[in-house]
């Protein structure tokens, strides 16, 4: 069954929101280990920028794979029709 564009977006948003929380927490804990000292608001903004990029990437990849799957399904059904109904 094909996933709708809307459900692709909902899944991507949920995935990215969880990723945002993980990313900001990780930045807050890891940045100081590398001598980077960002405020909480700076960490939130950095996380927001990467979240936007991640959301776009996730949605576009999901749609690309879905388009590929649909093309392959159409191709397979066309090939099956050719083998079961040969032209005379």
PDB file of N, CA and C in Angstrom:
ATOM      1  N   UNK A   1       0.837  -1.178   0.000  1.00  0.00           N
ATOM      2  CA  UNK A   1       0.000   0.000   0.000  1.00  0.00           C
ATOM      3  C   UNK A   1       0.885   1.245   0.000  1.00  0.00           C
ATOM      4  N   UNK A   2       0.502   2.217  -0.771  1.00  0.00           N
ATOM      5  CA  UNK A   2       1.295   3.431  -0.917  1.00  0.00           C
ATOM      6  C   UNK A   2       1.066   4.365   0.272  1.00  0.00           C
ATOM      7  N   UNK A   3       2.169   4.967   0.745  1.00  0.00           N
ATOM      8  CA  UNK A   3       2.055   5.956   1.803  1.00  0.00           C
ATOM      9  C   UNK A   3       1.725   7.305   1.172  1.00  0.00           C
ATOM     10  N   UNK A   4       0.749   8.002   1.720  1.00  0.00           N
ATOM     11  CA  UNK A   4       0.363   9.299   1.162  1.00  0.00           C
ATOM     12  C   UNK A   4       1.429  10.342   1.459  1.00  0.00           C
ATOM     13  N   UNK A   5       1.398  11.415   0.693  1.00  0.00           N
ATOM     14  CA  UNK A   5       2.329  12.519   0.938  1.00  0.00           C
ATOM     15  C   UNK A   5       2.134  13.078   2.347  1.00  0.00           C
ATOM     16  N   UNK A   6       0.874  13.184   2.757  1.00  0.00           N
ATOM     17  CA  UNK A   6       0.570  13.718   4.082  1.00  0.00           C
ATOM     18  C   UNK A   6       1.190  12.854   5.177  1.00  0.00           C
ATOM     19  N   UNK A   7       1.023  11.528   5.067  1.00  0.00           N
ATOM     20  CA  UNK A   7       1.588  10.642   6.088  1.00  0.00           C
ATOM     21  C   UNK A   7       3.116  10.648   6.038  1.00  0.00           C
ATOM     22  N   UNK A   8       3.697  10.826   4.852  1.00  0.00           N
ATOM     23  CA  UNK A   8       5.149  10.982   4.758  1.00  0.00           C
ATOM     24  C   UNK A   8       5.589  12.207   5.542  1.00  0.00           C
ATOM     25  N   UNK A   9       4.843  13.289   5.407  1.00  0.00           N
ATOM     26  CA  UNK A   9       5.179  14.524   6.118  1.00  0.00           C
ATOM     27  C   UNK A   9       5.002  14.346   7.625  1.00  0.00           C
ATOM     28  N   UNK A  10       3.898  13.728   8.044  1.00  0.00           N
ATOM     29  CA  UNK A  10       3.647  13.511   9.478  1.00  0.00           C
ATOM     30  C   UNK A  10       4.765  12.659  10.082  1.00  0.00           C
ATOM     31  N   UNK A  11       5.141  11.591   9.404  1.00  0.00           N
ATOM     32  CA  UNK A  11       6.207  10.728   9.905  1.00  0.00           C
ATOM     33  C   UNK A  11       7.526  11.491   9.982  1.00  0.00           C
ATOM     34  N   UNK A  12       7.831  12.263   8.965  1.00  0.00           N
ATOM     35  CA  UNK A  12       9.075  13.036   8.947  1.00  0.00           C
ATOM     36  C   UNK A  12       9.098  14.066  10.073  1.00  0.00           C
ATOM     37  N   UNK A  13       7.978  14.749  10.296  1.00  0.00           N
ATOM     38  CA  UNK A  13       7.915  15.758  11.358  1.00  0.00           C
ATOM     39  C   UNK A  13       8.123  15.102  12.723  1.00  0.00           C
ATOM     40  N   UNK A  14       7.450  13.987  12.983  1.00  0.00           N
ATOM     41  CA  UNK A  14       7.613  13.288  14.261  1.00  0.00           C
ATOM     42  C   UNK A  14       9.061  12.857  14.456  1.00  0.00           C
ATOM     43  N   UNK A  15       9.644  12.300  13.417  1.00  0.00           N
ATOM     44  CA  UNK A  15      11.030  11.846  13.479  1.00  0.00           C
ATOM     45  C   UNK A  15      11.971  13.011  13.762  1.00  0.00           C
ATOM     46  N   UNK A  16      11.751  14.121  13.084  1.00  0.00           N
ATOM     47  CA  UNK A  16      12.638  15.274  13.220  1.00  0.00           C
ATOM     48  C   UNK A  16      12.454  15.951  14.584  1.00  0.00           C
ATOM     49  N   UNK A  17      11.234  16.003  15.112  1.00  0.00           N
ATOM     50  CA  UNK A  17      11.026  16.595  16.432  1.00  0.00           C
ATOM     51  C   UNK A  17      11.781  15.823  17.512  1.00  0.00           C
ATOM     52  N   UNK A  18      11.701  14.512  17.450  1.00  0.00           N
ATOM     53  CA  UNK A  18      12.462  13.697  18.400  1.00  0.00           C
ATOM     54  C   UNK A  18      13.958  13.930  18.182  1.00  0.00           C
ATOM     55  N   UNK A  19      14.359  13.997  16.919  1.00  0.00           N
ATOM     56  CA  UNK A  19      15.766  14.269  16.598  1.00  0.00           C
ATOM     57  C   UNK A  19      16.224  15.615  17.124  1.00  0.00           C
ATOM     58  N   UNK A  20      15.344  16.615  17.085  1.00  0.00           N
ATOM     59  CA  UNK A  20      15.678  17.957  17.583  1.00  0.00           C
ATOM     60  C   UNK A  20      15.995  17.908  19.073  1.00  0.00           C
ATOM     61  N   UNK A  21      15.156  17.236  19.818  1.00  0.00           N
ATOM     62  CA  UNK A  21      15.371  17.124  21.265  1.00  0.00           C
ATOM     63  C   UNK A  21      16.685  16.407  21.554  1.00  0.00           C
ATOM     64  N   UNK A  22      16.926  15.317  20.837  1.00  0.00           N
ATOM     65  CA  UNK A  22      18.172  14.567  21.022  1.00  0.00           C
ATOM     66  C   UNK A  22      19.377  15.429  20.624  1.00  0.00           C
ATOM     67  N   UNK A  23      19.254  16.142  19.511  1.00  0.00           N
ATOM     68  CA  UNK A  23      20.370  16.961  19.021  1.00  0.00           C
ATOM     69  C   UNK A  23      20.715  18.085  19.989  1.00  0.00           C
ATOM     70  N   UNK A  24      19.715  18.814  20.473  1.00  0.00           N
ATOM     71  CA  UNK A  24      19.979  19.927  21.388  1.00  0.00           C
ATOM     72  C   UNK A  24      20.597  19.411  22.686  1.00  0.00           C
ATOM     73  N   UNK A  25      20.072  18.309  23.184  1.00  0.00           N
ATOM     74  CA  UNK A  25      20.634  17.722  24.406  1.00  0.00           C
ATOM     75  C   UNK A  25      22.081  17.294  24.170  1.00  0.00           C
ATOM     76  N   UNK A  26      22.326  16.660  23.034  1.00  0.00           N
ATOM     77  CA  UNK A  26      23.682  16.214  22.709  1.00  0.00           C
ATOM     78  C   UNK A  26      24.626  17.401  22.557  1.00  0.00           C
ATOM     79  N   UNK A  27      24.192  18.440  21.843  1.00  0.00           N
ATOM     80  CA  UNK A  27      25.019  19.633  21.675  1.00  0.00           C
ATOM     81  C   UNK A  27      25.370  20.225  23.037  1.00  0.00           C
ATOM     82  N   UNK A  28      24.378  20.339  23.886  1.00  0.00           N
ATOM     83  CA  UNK A  28      24.569  20.950  25.198  1.00  0.00           C
ATOM     84  C   UNK A  28      25.612  20.175  26.017  1.00  0.00           C
ATOM     85  N   UNK A  29      25.617  18.857  25.866  1.00  0.00           N
ATOM     86  CA  UNK A  29      26.555  18.026  26.621  1.00  0.00           C
ATOM     87  C   UNK A  29      27.918  17.880  25.934  1.00  0.00           C
ATOM     88  N   UNK A  30      27.938  17.849  24.597  1.00  0.00           N
ATOM     89  CA  UNK A  30      29.169  17.551  23.867  1.00  0.00           C
ATOM     90  C   UNK A  30      29.978  18.797  23.508  1.00  0.00           C
ATOM     91  N   UNK A  31      29.317  19.896  23.165  1.00  0.00           N
ATOM     92  CA  UNK A  31      30.052  21.106  22.763  1.00  0.00           C
ATOM     93  C   UNK A  31      31.150  21.479  23.758  1.00  0.00           C
ATOM     94  N   UNK A  32      30.878  21.500  25.076  1.00  0.00           N
ATOM     95  CA  UNK A  32      31.937  21.871  26.023  1.00  0.00           C
ATOM     96  C   UNK A  32      33.157  20.942  25.983  1.00  0.00           C
ATOM     97  N   UNK A  33      32.952  19.697  25.605  1.00  0.00           N
ATOM     98  CA  UNK A  33      34.087  18.768  25.503  1.00  0.00           C
ATOM     99  C   UNK A  33      35.076  19.191  24.420  1.00  0.00           C
ATOM    100  N   UNK A  34      34.598  19.992  23.464  1.00  0.00           N
ATOM    101  CA  UNK A  34      35.435  20.470  22.368  1.00  0.00           C
ATOM    102  C   UNK A  34      35.754  21.960  22.500  1.00  0.00           C
ATOM    103  N   UNK A  35      35.518  22.490  23.682  1.00  0.00           N
ATOM    104  CA  UNK A  35      35.826  23.887  23.925  1.00  0.00           C
ATOM    105  C   UNK A  35      34.819  24.857  23.346  1.00  0.00           C
ATOM    106  N   UNK A  36      33.658  24.378  22.942  1.00  0.00           N
ATOM    107  CA  UNK A  36      32.599  25.236  22.406  1.00  0.00           C
ATOM    108  C   UNK A  36      31.604  25.525  23.521  1.00  0.00           C
ATOM    109  N   UNK A  37      31.386  26.782  23.783  1.00  0.00           N
ATOM    110  CA  UNK A  37      30.494  27.157  24.878  1.00  0.00           C
ATOM    111  C   UNK A  37      29.366  28.014  24.326  1.00  0.00           C
ATOM    112  N   UNK A  38      28.249  27.355  24.026  1.00  0.00           N
ATOM    113  CA  UNK A  38      27.074  28.037  23.496  1.00  0.00           C
ATOM    114  C   UNK A  38      26.035  28.137  24.601  1.00  0.00           C
ATOM    115  N   UNK A  39      25.274  29.221  24.569  1.00  0.00           N
ATOM    116  CA  UNK A  39      24.180  29.360  25.522  1.00  0.00           C
ATOM    117  C   UNK A  39      23.055  28.409  25.122  1.00  0.00           C
ATOM    118  N   UNK A  40      22.098  28.241  26.012  1.00  0.00           N
ATOM    119  CA  UNK A  40      20.963  27.378  25.699  1.00  0.00           C
ATOM    120  C   UNK A  40      20.222  27.903  24.472  1.00  0.00           C
ATOM    121  N   UNK A  41      20.021  29.220  24.389  1.00  0.00           N
ATOM    122  CA  UNK A  41      19.303  29.772  23.232  1.00  0.00           C
ATOM    123  C   UNK A  41      20.106  29.565  21.941  1.00  0.00           C
ATOM    124  N   UNK A  42      21.423  29.641  22.006  1.00  0.00           N
ATOM    125  CA  UNK A  42      22.242  29.367  20.822  1.00  0.00           C
ATOM    126  C   UNK A  42      22.134  27.895  20.422  1.00  0.00           C
ATOM    127  N   UNK A  43      22.156  27.005  21.412  1.00  0.00           N
ATOM    128  CA  UNK A  43      21.976  25.579  21.123  1.00  0.00           C
ATOM    129  C   UNK A  43      20.618  25.306  20.501  1.00  0.00           C
ATOM    130  N   UNK A  44      19.592  25.973  21.007  1.00  0.00           N
ATOM    131  CA  UNK A  44      18.245  25.790  20.445  1.00  0.00           C
ATOM    132  C   UNK A  44      18.190  26.277  18.998  1.00  0.00           C
ATOM    133  N   UNK A  45      18.842  27.409  18.696  1.00  0.00           N
ATOM    134  CA  UNK A  45      18.840  27.948  17.336  1.00  0.00           C
ATOM    135  C   UNK A  45      19.645  27.051  16.389  1.00  0.00           C
ATOM    136  N   UNK A  46      20.799  26.595  16.827  1.00  0.00           N
ATOM    137  CA  UNK A  46      21.606  25.672  16.007  1.00  0.00           C
ATOM    138  C   UNK A  46      20.787  24.413  15.714  1.00  0.00           C
ATOM    139  N   UNK A  47      20.152  23.871  16.746  1.00  0.00           N
ATOM    140  CA  UNK A  47      19.316  22.688  16.570  1.00  0.00           C
ATOM    141  C   UNK A  47      18.166  22.937  15.611  1.00  0.00           C
ATOM    142  N   UNK A  48      17.578  24.128  15.681  1.00  0.00           N
ATOM    143  CA  UNK A  48      16.464  24.476  14.796  1.00  0.00           C
ATOM    144  C   UNK A  48      16.899  24.525  13.332  1.00  0.00           C
ATOM    145  N   UNK A  49      18.064  25.088  13.083  1.00  0.00           N
ATOM    146  CA  UNK A  49      18.581  25.154  11.711  1.00  0.00           C
ATOM    147  C   UNK A  49      18.791  23.749  11.161  1.00  0.00           C
ATOM    148  N   UNK A  50      19.460  22.906  11.942  1.00  0.00           N
ATOM    149  CA  UNK A  50      19.699  21.542  11.475  1.00  0.00           C
ATOM    150  C   UNK A  50      18.404  20.733  11.388  1.00  0.00           C
ATOM    151  N   UNK A  51      17.442  21.054  12.220  1.00  0.00           N
ATOM    152  CA  UNK A  51      16.150  20.377  12.155  1.00  0.00           C
ATOM    153  C   UNK A  51      15.431  20.698  10.846  1.00  0.00           C
ATOM    154  N   UNK A  52      15.475  21.952  10.432  1.00  0.00           N
ATOM    155  CA  UNK A  52      14.863  22.336   9.149  1.00  0.00           C
ATOM    156  C   UNK A  52      15.495  21.592   7.988  1.00  0.00           C
ATOM    157  N   UNK A  53      16.815  21.511   7.998  1.00  0.00           N
ATOM    158  CA  UNK A  53      17.531  20.781   6.950  1.00  0.00           C
ATOM    159  C   UNK A  53      17.162  19.299   7.006  1.00  0.00           C
ATOM    160  N   UNK A  54      17.099  18.743   8.199  1.00  0.00           N
ATOM    161  CA  UNK A  54      16.764  17.329   8.369  1.00  0.00           C
ATOM    162  C   UNK A  54      15.342  17.029   7.913  1.00  0.00           C
ATOM    163  N   UNK A  55      14.409  17.905   8.223  1.00  0.00           N
ATOM    164  CA  UNK A  55      13.019  17.707   7.809  1.00  0.00           C
ATOM    165  C   UNK A  55      12.904  17.680   6.293  1.00  0.00           C
ATOM    166  N   UNK A  56      13.533  18.635   5.638  1.00  0.00           N
ATOM    167  CA  UNK A  56      13.495  18.677   4.172  1.00  0.00           C
ATOM    168  C   UNK A  56      14.147  17.432   3.582  1.00  0.00           C
ATOM    169  N   UNK A  57      15.300  17.056   4.106  1.00  0.00           N
ATOM    170  CA  UNK A  57      16.005  15.869   3.618  1.00  0.00           C
ATOM    171  C   UNK A  57      15.162  14.610   3.789  1.00  0.00           C
ATOM    172  N   UNK A  58      14.593  14.436   4.969  1.00  0.00           N
ATOM    173  CA  UNK A  58      13.802  13.244   5.260  1.00  0.00           C
ATOM    174  C   UNK A  58      12.577  13.143   4.351  1.00  0.00           C
ATOM    175  N   UNK A  59      11.863  14.246   4.178  1.00  0.00           N
ATOM    176  CA  UNK A  59      10.668  14.250   3.346  1.00  0.00           C
ATOM    177  C   UNK A  59      11.016  13.970   1.879  1.00  0.00           C
ATOM    178  N   UNK A  60      12.039  14.639   1.368  1.00  0.00           N
ATOM    179  CA  UNK A  60      12.417  14.452  -0.041  1.00  0.00           C
ATOM    180  C   UNK A  60      12.913  13.030  -0.312  1.00  0.00           C
ATOM    181  N   UNK A  61      13.692  12.480   0.594  1.00  0.00           N
ATOM    182  CA  UNK A  61      14.138  11.089   0.413  1.00  0.00           C
ATOM    183  C   UNK A  61      12.964  10.123   0.462  1.00  0.00           C
ATOM    184  N   UNK A  62      12.045  10.345   1.390  1.00  0.00           N
ATOM    185  CA  UNK A  62      10.864   9.481   1.505  1.00  0.00           C
ATOM    186  C   UNK A  62      10.065   9.506   0.207  1.00  0.00           C
ATOM    187  N   UNK A  63       9.850  10.703  -0.349  1.00  0.00           N
ATOM    188  CA  UNK A  63       9.088  10.822  -1.593  1.00  0.00           C
ATOM    189  C   UNK A  63       9.840  10.204  -2.766  1.00  0.00           C
ATOM    190  N   UNK A  64      11.159  10.349  -2.805  1.00  0.00           N
ATOM    191  CA  UNK A  64      11.951   9.759  -3.886  1.00  0.00           C
ATOM    192  C   UNK A  64      11.857   8.233  -3.846  1.00  0.00           C
ATOM    193  N   UNK A  65      11.971   7.659  -2.671  1.00  0.00           N
ATOM    194  CA  UNK A  65      11.868   6.202  -2.562  1.00  0.00           C
ATOM    195  C   UNK A  65      10.452   5.721  -2.877  1.00  0.00           C
ATOM    196  N   UNK A  66       9.459   6.494  -2.484  1.00  0.00           N
ATOM    197  CA  UNK A  66       8.074   6.117  -2.793  1.00  0.00           C
ATOM    198  C   UNK A  66       7.831   6.171  -4.300  1.00  0.00           C
ATOM    199  N   UNK A  67       8.357   7.205  -4.966  1.00  0.00           N
ATOM    200  CA  UNK A  67       8.212   7.304  -6.423  1.00  0.00           C
ATOM    201  C   UNK A  67       8.902   6.131  -7.105  1.00  0.00           C
ATOM    202  N   UNK A  68      10.055   5.764  -6.612  1.00  0.00           N
ATOM    203  CA  UNK A  68      10.797   4.609  -7.178  1.00  0.00           C
ATOM    204  C   UNK A  68       9.988   3.335  -6.988  1.00  0.00           C
ATOM    205  N   UNK A  69       9.413   3.158  -5.806  1.00  0.00           N
ATOM    206  CA  UNK A  69       8.621   1.961  -5.537  1.00  0.00           C
ATOM    207  C   UNK A  69       7.414   1.888  -6.470  1.00  0.00           C
ATOM    208  N   UNK A  70       6.749   3.016  -6.678  1.00  0.00           N
ATOM    209  CA  UNK A  70       5.572   3.056  -7.554  1.00  0.00           C
ATOM    210  C   UNK A  70       5.979   2.745  -8.994  1.00  0.00           C
ATOM    211  N   UNK A  71       7.102   3.323  -9.457  1.00  0.00           N
ATOM    212  CA  UNK A  71       7.589   3.041 -10.820  1.00  0.00           C
ATOM    213  C   UNK A  71       7.884   1.561 -10.996  1.00  0.00           C
ATOM    214  N   UNK A  72       8.524   0.967  -9.993  1.00  0.00           N
ATOM    215  CA  UNK A  72       8.850  -0.462 -10.079  1.00  0.00           C
ATOM    216  C   UNK A  72       7.582  -1.307 -10.081  1.00  0.00           C
ATOM    217  N   UNK A  73       6.600  -0.920  -9.292  1.00  0.00           N
ATOM    218  CA  UNK A  73       5.340  -1.675  -9.250  1.00  0.00           C
ATOM    219  C   UNK A  73       4.632  -1.601 -10.598  1.00  0.00           C
ATOM    220  N   UNK A  74       4.617  -0.417 -11.211  1.00  0.00           N
ATOM    221  CA  UNK A  74       3.986  -0.260 -12.520  1.00  0.00           C
ATOM    222  C   UNK A  74       4.734  -1.071 -13.567  1.00  0.00           C
ATOM    223  N   UNK A  75       6.053  -1.026 -13.494  1.00  0.00           N
ATOM    224  CA  UNK A  75       6.878  -1.767 -14.439  1.00  0.00           C
ATOM    225  C   UNK A  75       6.643  -3.271 -14.296  1.00  0.00           C
ATOM    226  N   UNK A  76       6.566  -3.748 -13.063  1.00  0.00           N
ATOM    227  CA  UNK A  76       6.331  -5.167 -12.815  1.00  0.00           C
ATOM    228  C   UNK A  76       4.961  -5.592 -13.317  1.00  0.00           C
ATOM    229  N   UNK A  77       3.947  -4.759 -13.103  1.00  0.00           N
ATOM    230  CA  UNK A  77       2.609  -5.130 -13.551  1.00  0.00           C
ATOM    231  C   UNK A  77       2.521  -5.078 -15.076  1.00  0.00           C
ATOM    232  N   UNK A  78       3.252  -4.170 -15.713  1.00  0.00           N
ATOM    233  CA  UNK A  78       3.274  -4.105 -17.178  1.00  0.00           C
ATOM    234  C   UNK A  78       3.933  -5.349 -17.755  1.00  0.00           C
ATOM    235  N   UNK A  79       5.044  -5.750 -17.112  1.00  0.00           N
ATOM    236  CA  UNK A  79       5.758  -6.931 -17.583  1.00  0.00           C
ATOM    237  C   UNK A  79       4.899  -8.175 -17.394  1.00  0.00           C
ATOM    238  N   UNK A  80       4.175  -8.254 -16.294  1.00  0.00           N
ATOM    239  CA  UNK A  80       3.316  -9.407 -16.038  1.00  0.00           C
ATOM    240  C   UNK A  80       2.195  -9.468 -17.071  1.00  0.00           C
ATOM    241  N   UNK A  81       1.658  -8.310 -17.428  1.00  0.00           N
ATOM    242  CA  UNK A  81       0.593  -8.278 -18.439  1.00  0.00           C
ATOM    243  C   UNK A  81       1.125  -8.742 -19.795  1.00  0.00           C
ATOM    244  N   UNK A  82       2.356  -8.388 -20.121  1.00  0.00           N
ATOM    245  CA  UNK A  82       2.958  -8.799 -21.400  1.00  0.00           C
ATOM    246  C   UNK A  82       3.188 -10.296 -21.444  1.00  0.00           C
ATOM    247  N   UNK A  83       3.553 -10.894 -20.335  1.00  0.00           N
ATOM    248  CA  UNK A  83       3.832 -12.329 -20.343  1.00  0.00           C
ATOM    249  C   UNK A  83       2.573 -13.167 -20.264  1.00  0.00           C
ATOM    250  N   UNK A  84       1.506 -12.619 -19.639  1.00  0.00           N
ATOM    251  CA  UNK A  84       0.272 -13.394 -19.537  1.00  0.00           C
ATOM    252  C   UNK A  84      -0.652 -13.170 -20.729  1.00  0.00           C
ATOM    253  N   UNK A  85      -0.501 -12.064 -21.429  1.00  0.00           N
ATOM    254  CA  UNK A  85      -1.316 -11.748 -22.601  1.00  0.00           C
ATOM    255  C   UNK A  85      -0.410 -11.416 -23.785  1.00  0.00           C
ATOM    256  N   UNK A  86       0.262 -12.429 -24.333  1.00  0.00           N
ATOM    257  CA  UNK A  86       1.186 -12.134 -25.444  1.00  0.00           C
ATOM    258  C   UNK A  86       0.433 -11.602 -26.660  1.00  0.00           C
ATOM    259  N   UNK A  87       1.069 -10.702 -27.360  1.00  0.00           N
ATOM    260  CA  UNK A  87       0.502 -10.135 -28.583  1.00  0.00           C
ATOM    261  C   UNK A  87       0.612 -11.160 -29.687  1.00  0.00           C
ATOM    262  N   UNK A  88      -0.458 -11.340 -30.439  1.00  0.00           N
ATOM    263  CA  UNK A  88      -0.448 -12.338 -31.530  1.00  0.00           C
ATOM    264  C   UNK A  88      -0.267 -11.672 -32.864  1.00  0.00           C
TER     265      UNK A  88
END
